[in-house]
Protein backbone atom coordinates (compact mmCIF):
# COMPACT_ATOMS: atom_id res chain seq x y z
CA MET A 1 0.00 0.00 0.00
CA MET A 2 1.41 3.35 -1.06
CA LYS A 3 2.05 5.78 1.78
CA ARG A 4 -0.01 8.92 1.40
CA PRO A 5 1.87 12.20 0.93
CA THR A 6 2.59 14.50 3.86
CA ALA A 7 2.72 18.25 4.34
CA LEU A 8 4.49 20.04 7.15
CA ILE A 9 2.71 22.97 8.83
CA LEU A 10 4.89 25.15 11.01
CA THR A 11 3.29 27.53 13.49
CA ALA A 12 3.87 29.19 16.86
CA LYS A 13 1.69 29.75 19.90
CA TYR A 14 2.01 33.53 20.03
CA GLY A 15 -1.70 34.29 19.95
CA SER A 16 -4.44 31.90 18.98
CA GLY A 17 -4.81 33.07 15.37
CA HIS A 18 -1.80 31.20 14.01
CA VAL A 19 -2.90 27.99 15.71
CA GLN A 20 -6.50 28.30 14.49
CA ALA A 21 -5.41 28.87 10.90
CA THR A 22 -3.11 25.85 11.20
CA SER A 23 -5.98 23.65 12.37
CA VAL A 24 -8.15 24.71 9.42
CA LEU A 25 -5.37 23.98 6.92
CA ALA A 26 -4.63 20.63 8.56
CA ASN A 27 -8.27 19.56 8.28
CA ASN A 28 -8.35 20.58 4.63
CA LEU A 29 -5.25 18.50 3.94
CA ARG A 30 -6.80 15.44 5.58
CA GLU A 31 -9.83 15.82 3.34
CA ARG A 32 -7.44 15.62 0.35
CA ASN A 33 -5.79 12.45 1.74
CA ILE A 34 -2.60 14.33 2.64
CA GLU A 35 -1.22 13.77 6.13
CA PRO A 36 -0.57 17.07 7.94
CA ILE A 37 2.43 17.18 10.29
CA VAL A 38 1.92 20.13 12.62
CA SER A 39 4.86 21.55 14.54
CA ASP A 40 5.29 24.45 16.96
CA LEU A 41 8.87 24.65 15.73
CA PHE A 42 10.13 27.29 18.16
CA GLY A 43 8.33 25.72 21.13
CA GLU A 44 9.70 22.26 20.36
CA SER A 45 13.22 23.59 19.83
CA TYR A 46 13.40 25.98 22.80
CA PRO A 47 10.55 25.10 25.22
CA ALA A 48 11.75 27.26 28.14
CA ILE A 49 12.35 30.36 26.00
CA SER A 50 9.06 29.82 24.18
CA THR A 51 7.09 29.59 27.44
CA PHE A 52 8.79 32.70 28.85
CA THR A 53 8.24 34.82 25.73
CA GLN A 54 4.60 33.72 25.45
CA SER A 55 4.08 34.79 29.06
CA LEU A 56 5.79 38.12 28.33
CA LEU A 57 3.53 38.66 25.33
CA MET A 58 0.39 37.93 27.35
CA LYS A 59 1.45 40.35 30.07
CA SER A 60 2.18 42.98 27.46
CA PHE A 61 -1.33 42.58 26.04
CA SER A 62 -3.07 42.56 29.40
CA THR A 63 -1.22 45.59 30.80
CA HIS A 64 -1.07 47.57 27.52
CA SER A 65 2.64 47.99 28.15
CA SER A 66 4.85 49.58 25.51
CA PHE A 67 6.87 46.37 25.09
CA TYR A 68 4.87 44.98 22.17
CA LYS A 69 4.56 48.40 20.53
CA TRP A 70 8.34 48.73 20.67
CA PHE A 71 8.85 45.20 19.34
CA TYR A 72 6.40 45.52 16.44
CA TYR A 73 7.28 48.98 15.20
CA GLY A 74 10.93 48.81 16.26
CA THR A 75 11.67 45.65 14.28
CA ASN A 76 9.66 47.12 11.43
CA LYS A 77 12.37 49.76 11.07
CA LEU A 78 15.30 47.38 11.41
CA ASN A 79 17.09 45.88 8.45
CA SER A 80 14.63 43.08 7.71
CA ASN A 81 17.19 41.09 5.70
CA GLY A 82 19.57 40.99 8.64
CA LEU A 83 16.75 39.99 11.00
CA VAL A 84 15.66 37.21 8.64
CA GLN A 85 19.19 35.85 8.26
CA PHE A 86 19.70 35.87 12.03
CA SER A 87 16.42 34.07 12.76
CA SER A 88 16.97 31.46 10.04
CA TYR A 89 19.04 29.51 12.57
CA PHE A 90 16.14 29.20 15.04
CA GLY A 91 14.78 25.65 15.08
CA ARG A 92 16.85 24.42 12.14
CA LYS A 93 17.90 21.19 13.83
CA ARG A 94 14.32 20.27 14.74
CA LEU A 95 13.14 21.21 11.26
CA LEU A 96 15.70 18.89 9.61
CA GLU A 97 14.52 16.07 11.90
CA LEU A 98 10.92 16.64 10.82
CA VAL A 99 11.85 16.80 7.15
CA PHE A 100 13.86 13.58 7.15
CA MET A 101 11.29 11.79 9.30
CA HIS A 102 8.20 12.73 7.28
CA GLN A 103 9.55 13.77 3.86
CA PRO A 104 6.89 16.45 3.26
CA SER A 105 5.83 17.39 -0.25
CA PHE A 106 5.58 21.02 0.85
CA ILE A 107 5.75 23.25 3.91
CA LEU A 108 3.11 25.74 5.06
CA LEU A 109 4.00 28.55 7.44
CA THR A 110 1.32 30.27 9.52
CA PHE A 111 4.03 32.10 11.45
CA PRO A 112 7.25 33.63 10.07
CA LEU A 113 9.78 30.88 10.83
CA HIS A 114 12.72 31.51 8.54
CA ALA A 115 14.51 28.22 9.12
CA ALA A 116 11.97 26.60 6.78
CA SER A 117 12.42 28.99 3.88
CA SER A 118 16.21 28.82 4.24
CA LEU A 119 16.35 25.02 3.79
CA LYS A 120 17.32 25.28 0.15
CA LYS A 121 20.20 27.65 0.86
CA LYS A 122 21.53 25.90 3.96
CA SER A 123 20.78 22.21 3.35
CA ARG A 124 20.55 21.93 -0.45
CA MET A 125 16.95 20.71 -0.18
CA SER A 126 14.24 22.08 -2.41
CA ILE A 127 10.84 21.81 -0.73
CA PRO A 128 8.15 24.32 -1.78
CA THR A 129 7.52 26.63 1.17
CA TYR A 130 4.36 28.72 1.42
CA THR A 131 3.61 31.55 3.83
CA VAL A 132 0.04 32.19 5.00
CA VAL A 133 -0.24 35.72 6.44
CA THR A 134 -2.91 35.71 9.15
CA ASP A 135 -3.45 39.47 9.53
CA TYR A 136 -4.69 42.43 7.48
CA CYS A 137 -1.27 44.06 7.57
CA LEU A 138 2.27 42.94 6.80
CA HIS A 139 5.31 43.21 9.02
CA PRO A 140 8.59 42.93 7.04
CA TYR A 141 9.53 39.96 9.20
CA TRP A 142 7.08 37.82 7.18
CA MET A 143 9.17 38.30 4.05
CA ASN A 144 11.93 35.98 2.93
CA PRO A 145 13.52 35.66 -0.54
CA PHE A 146 13.25 31.86 -0.35
CA ILE A 147 9.47 31.76 0.15
CA HIS A 148 7.92 30.14 -2.92
CA HIS A 149 4.53 31.79 -2.56
CA TYR A 150 2.61 34.12 -0.25
CA PHE A 151 -1.08 33.82 0.57
CA VAL A 152 -2.44 37.09 1.90
CA SER A 153 -5.69 38.54 3.21
CA THR A 154 -6.23 41.52 0.91
CA GLU A 155 -5.05 43.46 -2.12
CA ALA A 156 -3.55 45.98 0.31
CA VAL A 157 -1.21 43.35 1.77
CA LYS A 158 -0.38 42.19 -1.74
CA SER A 159 0.55 45.78 -2.64
CA CYS A 160 2.85 45.91 0.38
CA LEU A 161 4.68 42.81 -0.85
CA LEU A 162 4.92 44.25 -4.36
CA SER A 163 6.46 47.42 -2.93
CA HIS A 164 9.19 45.21 -1.44
CA GLN A 165 9.98 43.77 -4.89
CA VAL A 166 8.17 40.46 -4.38
CA SER A 167 7.05 39.19 -7.79
CA GLU A 168 3.29 39.32 -8.40
CA LYS A 169 3.27 35.69 -9.55
CA ARG A 170 4.41 34.71 -6.04
CA ILE A 171 1.37 36.28 -4.35
CA THR A 172 -2.25 35.10 -4.08
CA VAL A 173 -4.99 37.07 -2.35
CA SER A 174 -6.58 34.03 -0.72
CA GLY A 175 -8.08 35.53 2.43
CA ILE A 176 -7.42 34.07 5.89
CA PRO A 177 -8.38 30.43 6.61
CA ILE A 178 -11.30 30.01 9.03
CA ARG A 179 -13.48 27.08 10.08
CA SER A 180 -16.17 26.02 7.60
CA GLN A 181 -18.89 26.59 10.23
CA PHE A 182 -18.50 30.34 9.67
CA GLU A 183 -19.24 29.83 5.98
CA THR A 184 -22.35 27.69 6.48
CA PRO A 185 -25.90 29.08 6.85
CA ALA A 186 -27.25 28.70 10.39
CA ASP A 187 -30.74 27.98 11.73
CA LYS A 188 -31.15 31.12 13.82
CA GLN A 189 -34.34 29.99 15.53
CA VAL A 190 -32.58 26.92 16.91
CA ILE A 191 -29.69 29.09 18.14
CA TYR A 192 -32.01 31.55 19.92
CA GLU A 193 -33.63 28.61 21.72
CA LYS A 194 -30.28 27.00 22.57
CA PHE A 195 -29.01 30.14 24.34
CA HIS A 196 -32.43 31.13 25.73
CA LEU A 197 -32.50 34.40 23.80
CA CYS A 198 -35.48 36.27 22.38
CA PRO A 199 -35.59 36.63 18.55
CA GLN A 200 -37.44 39.93 18.90
CA ARG A 201 -34.62 41.63 20.80
CA LYS A 202 -31.24 42.59 19.34
CA VAL A 203 -28.15 40.73 20.54
CA ILE A 204 -24.89 42.44 21.55
CA THR A 205 -22.01 39.96 21.83
CA ILE A 206 -18.87 40.86 23.77
CA LEU A 207 -15.84 38.68 23.04
CA ALA A 208 -13.22 39.08 25.76
CA GLY A 209 -10.37 37.81 23.56
CA ALA A 210 -8.04 34.84 23.52
CA PHE A 211 -6.10 36.13 26.54
CA GLY A 212 -9.08 37.82 28.17
CA VAL A 213 -7.60 41.23 27.42
CA LEU A 214 -10.68 43.23 26.39
CA LYS A 215 -10.55 46.11 28.83
CA ASN A 216 -13.27 47.35 31.21
CA VAL A 217 -15.73 44.58 30.35
CA LYS A 218 -17.61 44.86 33.65
CA GLU A 219 -17.97 48.63 33.33
CA LEU A 220 -19.17 48.20 29.76
CA CYS A 221 -21.76 45.60 30.77
CA GLU A 222 -23.04 47.82 33.56
CA LEU A 223 -23.64 50.60 31.02
CA LEU A 224 -25.21 48.42 28.34
CA ILE A 225 -27.52 46.51 30.68
CA HIS A 226 -29.64 49.64 31.16
CA PHE A 227 -30.82 49.40 27.55
CA ARG A 228 -33.57 46.91 28.29
CA THR A 229 -34.46 46.36 24.63
CA TYR A 230 -31.10 44.64 24.02
CA GLN A 231 -29.70 41.27 25.04
CA ILE A 232 -26.04 41.05 26.04
CA VAL A 233 -23.93 37.92 25.63
CA VAL A 234 -20.44 37.92 27.15
CA ILE A 235 -17.97 35.21 26.15
CA CYS A 236 -15.17 35.06 28.73
CA GLY A 237 -13.19 32.21 27.22
CA LYS A 238 -10.90 30.75 29.88
CA ASN A 239 -10.78 33.94 31.94
CA ASP A 240 -12.26 32.64 35.19
CA SER A 241 -11.73 35.88 37.10
CA LEU A 242 -13.72 37.85 34.51
CA PHE A 243 -16.47 35.25 34.59
CA SER A 244 -16.70 35.50 38.39
CA SER A 245 -16.76 39.30 38.34
CA LEU A 246 -19.74 39.29 35.96
CA MET A 247 -21.79 36.71 37.85
CA PRO A 248 -23.71 39.34 39.88
CA ILE A 249 -24.92 41.01 36.65
CA ALA A 250 -26.04 37.65 35.27
CA PHE A 251 -27.93 37.00 38.52
CA LEU A 252 -29.65 40.41 38.56
CA PHE A 253 -30.61 40.47 34.86
CA PRO A 254 -31.46 36.90 33.84
CA GLU A 255 -33.72 38.02 30.99
CA SER A 256 -31.19 40.20 29.17
CA PHE A 257 -27.71 38.98 30.14
CA ARG A 258 -25.98 35.72 29.18
CA LEU A 259 -22.58 34.84 30.64
CA LEU A 260 -20.53 32.15 28.92
CA GLY A 261 -17.06 30.69 29.40
CA TYR A 262 -15.21 28.92 26.61
CA ILE A 263 -17.49 27.66 23.85
CA GLU A 264 -16.72 25.75 20.64
CA ASP A 265 -19.82 26.88 18.77
CA ILE A 266 -19.03 30.58 18.77
CA HIS A 267 -20.16 30.77 15.13
CA GLU A 268 -23.71 30.21 16.34
CA LEU A 269 -23.62 33.37 18.44
CA PHE A 270 -22.07 35.31 15.59
CA ALA A 271 -25.01 34.22 13.43
CA ILE A 272 -27.56 35.93 15.70
CA SER A 273 -25.45 38.92 16.81
CA HIS A 274 -26.46 42.39 15.68
CA CYS A 275 -23.16 43.79 16.99
CA LEU A 276 -19.83 42.28 18.11
CA ILE A 277 -17.46 44.04 20.53
CA THR A 278 -14.01 42.46 20.35
CA LYS A 279 -10.27 42.80 19.90
CA PRO A 280 -9.08 42.95 16.26
CA GLY A 281 -7.27 39.65 15.81
CA GLY A 282 -6.99 38.56 12.17
CA ILE A 283 -9.01 35.36 12.63
CA THR A 284 -11.81 37.00 14.64
CA LEU A 285 -12.15 39.78 12.07
CA THR A 286 -12.35 37.22 9.27
CA GLU A 287 -14.96 35.16 11.11
CA ALA A 288 -17.07 38.26 11.73
CA ALA A 289 -16.71 39.38 8.11
CA ALA A 290 -17.75 35.91 6.89
CA MET A 291 -20.99 36.22 8.87
CA GLN A 292 -21.31 39.98 8.34
CA VAL A 293 -21.53 41.01 11.99
CA PRO A 294 -21.15 44.78 12.60
CA LEU A 295 -17.94 45.30 14.56
CA ILE A 296 -16.75 47.55 17.37
CA LEU A 297 -13.00 47.12 17.94
CA HIS A 298 -12.17 48.21 21.45
CA SER A 299 -8.79 49.68 22.45
CA PRO A 300 -6.58 47.96 19.86
CA ILE A 301 -3.01 47.51 21.03
CA PRO A 302 -0.32 49.15 18.84
CA GLY A 303 1.03 46.54 16.46
CA GLN A 304 -0.95 44.22 14.21
CA GLU A 305 -4.09 44.75 16.33
CA LEU A 306 -4.07 48.47 15.57
CA GLU A 307 -3.15 47.87 11.92
CA ASN A 308 -5.97 45.31 11.54
CA ALA A 309 -8.45 47.67 13.19
CA ALA A 310 -7.37 50.59 11.02
CA PHE A 311 -7.85 48.56 7.84
CA PHE A 312 -11.40 47.54 8.79
CA ALA A 313 -12.32 51.03 10.01
CA GLU A 314 -10.90 52.77 6.92
CA ASN A 315 -12.93 50.42 4.71
CA GLY A 316 -16.16 51.05 6.62
CA ALA A 317 -16.30 47.54 8.08
CA ALA A 318 -15.88 48.44 11.78
CA PHE A 319 -15.82 51.20 14.38
CA ILE A 320 -12.83 51.72 16.66
CA SER A 321 -13.42 52.79 20.27
CA HIS A 322 -10.98 53.77 23.01
CA THR A 323 -13.36 54.25 25.95
CA THR A 324 -16.42 52.42 27.25
CA LEU A 325 -18.58 55.45 26.47
CA GLU A 326 -17.40 55.35 22.87
CA VAL A 327 -18.35 51.67 22.73
CA VAL A 328 -21.86 52.43 24.01
CA ASN A 329 -22.28 55.25 21.47
CA HIS A 330 -21.15 52.98 18.65
CA VAL A 331 -23.56 50.25 19.81
CA GLN A 332 -26.42 52.75 19.69
CA THR A 333 -25.37 53.93 16.23
CA ILE A 334 -25.26 50.41 14.82
CA LEU A 335 -28.44 49.10 16.42
CA GLN A 336 -30.55 52.18 15.82
CA ASN A 337 -29.40 53.01 12.29
CA GLU A 338 -30.08 50.16 9.89
CA GLU A 339 -28.43 51.98 6.99
CA ILE A 340 -25.10 52.21 8.85
CA SER A 341 -25.37 48.59 9.94
CA ASN A 342 -26.01 47.46 6.36
CA ARG A 343 -23.11 49.55 5.00
CA MET A 344 -20.81 47.89 7.51
CA LYS A 345 -22.02 44.44 6.44
CA SER A 346 -21.50 45.29 2.77
CA ALA A 347 -17.94 46.43 3.49
CA GLN A 348 -17.23 43.17 5.32
CA LYS A 349 -18.66 41.16 2.43
CA TYR A 350 -16.27 42.97 0.09
CA ILE A 351 -13.23 42.29 2.31
CA TYR A 352 -14.03 38.63 2.98
CA LYS A 353 -12.61 35.88 0.74
CA ARG A 354 -14.49 32.59 0.89
CA ASP A 355 -12.88 29.10 0.96
CA SER A 356 -9.43 30.47 1.75
CA ALA A 357 -8.03 27.13 2.95
CA SER A 358 -9.09 25.40 -0.28
CA VAL A 359 -7.44 28.12 -2.40
CA ILE A 360 -4.17 27.65 -0.49
CA ILE A 361 -4.15 23.85 -0.52
CA ASP A 362 -5.24 23.67 -4.17
CA HIS A 363 -2.25 25.81 -5.13
CA ALA A 364 0.17 23.69 -3.10
CA ILE A 365 -1.19 20.40 -4.47
CA ASN A 366 -0.99 21.67 -8.05
CA GLU A 367 2.69 22.41 -7.53
CA MET A 368 3.51 19.14 -5.79
CA LYS A 369 6.52 17.37 -7.30
CA GLN A 370 8.04 13.97 -6.59
CA PRO A 371 10.31 13.02 -4.99
CA ALA A 372 9.26 15.14 -2.00
CA ILE A 373 12.88 16.02 -1.17
CA LYS A 374 15.14 16.88 -4.04
CA LEU A 375 18.86 17.49 -3.71
CA VAL A 376 19.99 20.42 -5.83
């Protein structure tokens, strides 16, 4: 029996977006009878450093410290070629182990790990390497001369690559991979019943974020709860302290307030939401755009969050707020002005690219060559 081909997906656990995109691509590969080999290359190579830097990143997000702002915009100004060459050594030993063990037909990157794209130069191996950019902006660190092809979210990101002399034939505007549930029509009546919500009242969903970093959630809920014609759903994820702090509101307002922890079926709530208050991660924005949920992006952190938010706001697909009062005003604008709400949905429909994972995997499969590893 012939062994089915494999594909190596390299990611990193710096934010949930990279991991979620990886999962979607892996599932798509399995459907094509290609075995996905998923690796957190940096975490497997340097577990202690990876754990420490992930913790540092989470603290930076939760405290709004200037660390991440400095890192994102500071490295943006550095010589990107020098940075790429330096980081091409990170994880190379582990990568070579994975390559020789699994002999992948191609490599997909959902995080800029330059050891993969430098294989040809350093190890005389030619394995097609594809980068999947999971935001609506482009940091120079994503770029590498040895990347075979880039898959990007928008024409604006493509233009950024072109301005850095990346050939147009090496770029596809694929959109960002998301779960198929966000692209499937939902039975809204069933969802209303499942979450004990009233179809006649508008739903405001507040998504605390992967690290529970949406600021002033309790204060925001206390302001919104006074609008008795609305229903508020708060998704706390794994933030137990936030969940506990909101329990008194849930107890006092059982008819108009729903408090949830981590849920798998978040697409169901998106389907019935008239407004979503969230942080502007690339995956969340794409999921909301797929379901055309009017967006309020609260206090984006300088870096890709701010760049993502700016792109959506400039294209009429979201509002940005910096205070809880601004959030409340934006909620009122969206829910009371159907024309504005519909314009926002139309803008999201224009931004969104359907079946992104299939576009990416189709391209990779069409370029597959045997043998998987070729010495040059």
